[in-house]
C-alpha atoms as a PDB file:
ATOM      1  CA  MET A   1       1.419 -13.238  -8.850  1.00  0.00           C
ATOM      2  CA  TYR A   2       1.445  -9.957 -10.677  1.00  0.00           C
ATOM      3  CA  CYS A   3       3.649  -7.183  -9.277  1.00  0.00           C
ATOM      4  CA  HIS A   4       2.449  -3.628  -9.636  1.00  0.00           C
ATOM      5  CA  SER A   5       4.789  -0.709 -10.107  1.00  0.00           C
ATOM      6  CA  LEU A   6       3.435   1.555  -7.401  1.00  0.00           C
ATOM      7  CA  THR A   7       5.302   4.827  -7.062  1.00  0.00           C
ATOM      8  CA  ALA A   8       4.558   7.501  -4.479  1.00  0.00           C
ATOM      9  CA  SER A   9       6.069  10.965  -4.761  1.00  0.00           C
ATOM     10  CA  LYS A  10       5.968  14.025  -2.553  1.00  0.00           C
ATOM     11  CA  HIS A  11       8.335  16.949  -2.838  1.00  0.00           C
ATOM     12  CA  ASN A  12      11.787  15.405  -3.417  1.00  0.00           C
ATOM     13  CA  LEU A  13      10.793  11.990  -2.057  1.00  0.00           C
ATOM     14  CA  ASN A  14      10.118   9.229  -4.614  1.00  0.00           C
ATOM     15  CA  LEU A  15       9.250   5.777  -3.299  1.00  0.00           C
ATOM     16  CA  GLN A  16       8.656   2.386  -4.868  1.00  0.00           C
ATOM     17  CA  VAL A  17       5.961   0.775  -2.731  1.00  0.00           C
ATOM     18  CA  PRO A  18       5.865  -3.043  -2.776  1.00  0.00           C
ATOM     19  CA  CYS A  19       2.491  -4.077  -4.173  1.00  0.00           C
ATOM     20  CA  GLU A  20       1.249  -7.227  -5.920  1.00  0.00           C
ATOM     21  CA  ASP A  21      -1.744  -9.403  -6.682  1.00  0.00           C
ATOM     22  CA  THR A  22      -1.753 -12.329  -4.283  1.00  0.00           C
ATOM     23  CA  PRO A  23      -2.853 -15.942  -4.811  1.00  0.00           C
ATOM     24  CA  ASP A  24      -5.569 -15.277  -2.211  1.00  0.00           C
ATOM     25  CA  GLY A  25      -7.303 -12.822  -4.549  1.00  0.00           C
ATOM     26  CA  TYR A  26      -6.394  -9.434  -3.123  1.00  0.00           C
ATOM     27  CA  VAL A  27      -3.869  -6.730  -3.883  1.00  0.00           C
ATOM     28  CA  GLY A  28      -1.245  -6.672  -1.136  1.00  0.00           C
ATOM     29  CA  ILE A  29       0.436  -3.343  -0.354  1.00  0.00           C
ATOM     30  CA  TRP A  30       3.500  -3.462   1.916  1.00  0.00           C
ATOM     31  CA  PRO A  31       4.896  -0.010   2.791  1.00  0.00           C
ATOM     32  CA  TYR A  32       6.057  -0.888   6.320  1.00  0.00           C
ATOM     33  CA  ASP A  33       9.642  -1.748   5.313  1.00  0.00           C
ATOM     34  CA  LEU A  34      10.299   1.612   3.667  1.00  0.00           C
ATOM     35  CA  GLU A  35      12.934   3.519   5.580  1.00  0.00           C
ATOM     36  CA  ILE A  36      11.332   6.954   5.831  1.00  0.00           C
ATOM     37  CA  PRO A  37      10.552   9.275   8.753  1.00  0.00           C
ATOM     38  CA  GLU A  38       7.335   8.503  10.629  1.00  0.00           C
ATOM     39  CA  SER A  39       5.595  11.716   9.530  1.00  0.00           C
ATOM     40  CA  GLU A  40       6.204  10.842   5.877  1.00  0.00           C
ATOM     41  CA  TYR A  41       5.136   7.242   6.501  1.00  0.00           C
ATOM     42  CA  LEU A  42       1.828   8.455   7.957  1.00  0.00           C
ATOM     43  CA  ASP A  43       1.311  10.726   4.922  1.00  0.00           C
ATOM     44  CA  LEU A  44       2.073   7.767   2.663  1.00  0.00           C
ATOM     45  CA  LEU A  45      -0.458   5.568   4.479  1.00  0.00           C
ATOM     46  CA  ALA A  46      -3.132   8.236   4.025  1.00  0.00           C
ATOM     47  CA  ALA A  47      -2.393   8.454   0.301  1.00  0.00           C
ATOM     48  CA  LEU A  48      -2.317   4.661  -0.077  1.00  0.00           C
ATOM     49  CA  ARG A  49      -5.712   4.374   1.631  1.00  0.00           C
ATOM     50  CA  VAL A  50      -7.179   6.785  -0.918  1.00  0.00           C
ATOM     51  CA  TRP A  51      -5.494   4.970  -3.811  1.00  0.00           C
ATOM     52  CA  ALA A  52      -6.560   1.523  -2.570  1.00  0.00           C
ATOM     53  CA  GLU A  53     -10.212   2.549  -2.577  1.00  0.00           C
ATOM     54  CA  THR A  54      -9.935   3.275  -6.315  1.00  0.00           C
ATOM     55  CA  VAL A  55      -8.684  -0.227  -7.122  1.00  0.00           C
ATOM     56  CA  GLN A  56     -11.433  -2.450  -8.447  1.00  0.00           C
ATOM     57  CA  SER A  57     -10.193  -5.353  -6.348  1.00  0.00           C
ATOM     58  CA  LYS A  58      -9.941  -6.490  -2.761  1.00  0.00           C
ATOM     59  CA  TYR A  59      -6.839  -5.133  -1.047  1.00  0.00           C
ATOM     60  CA  ARG A  60      -4.838  -5.306   2.151  1.00  0.00           C
ATOM     61  CA  LEU A  61      -2.670  -2.402   3.246  1.00  0.00           C
ATOM     62  CA  TYR A  62      -0.071  -3.894   5.580  1.00  0.00           C
ATOM     63  CA  LEU A  63       0.989  -1.618   8.443  1.00  0.00           C
ATOM     64  CA  THR A  64       3.316  -4.299   9.844  1.00  0.00           C
ATOM     65  CA  ARG A  65       4.166  -7.835   8.757  1.00  0.00           C
ATOM     66  CA  ASP A  66       1.032  -9.158  10.530  1.00  0.00           C
ATOM     67  CA  GLU A  67      -1.292  -6.155  10.823  1.00  0.00           C
ATOM     68  CA  TYR A  68      -3.263  -4.850   7.863  1.00  0.00           C
ATOM     69  CA  GLU A  69      -6.221  -2.688   6.929  1.00  0.00           C
ATOM     70  CA  SER A  70      -8.758  -3.401   4.253  1.00  0.00           C
ATOM     71  CA  GLY A  71     -11.566  -1.202   3.058  1.00  0.00           C
ATOM     72  CA  PRO A  72     -14.991  -1.902   1.596  1.00  0.00           C
ATOM     73  CA  ASN A  73     -13.379  -3.651  -1.371  1.00  0.00           C
ATOM     74  CA  GLY A  74     -10.987  -5.731   0.736  1.00  0.00           C
ATOM     75  CA  ARG A  75     -12.970  -7.521   3.397  1.00  0.00           C
END
C-alpha cells in the first residue's frame, strides 16, 4: 500500500489525515480518529469531500471505522 501525506490546515490547526491506497483499489481516508472538536471535524469532512472528488481514483472517506462515503469515483 502507498501512504499519502495528506495535510489539512485551517487557521492555527494543522492535521495529518491518515490516507493510503488500499489493496482493494481505492484511496482510503480515515479522519475519524483525529481528536478535534466536532465543528472542526465537520469542516474537515467537507474539505475532504471536495479534495476526494479531485483524485483520479476510487475513494472511501471513512466517517467511522465501519461507515464510509464514496463519490462518483468511488463506487
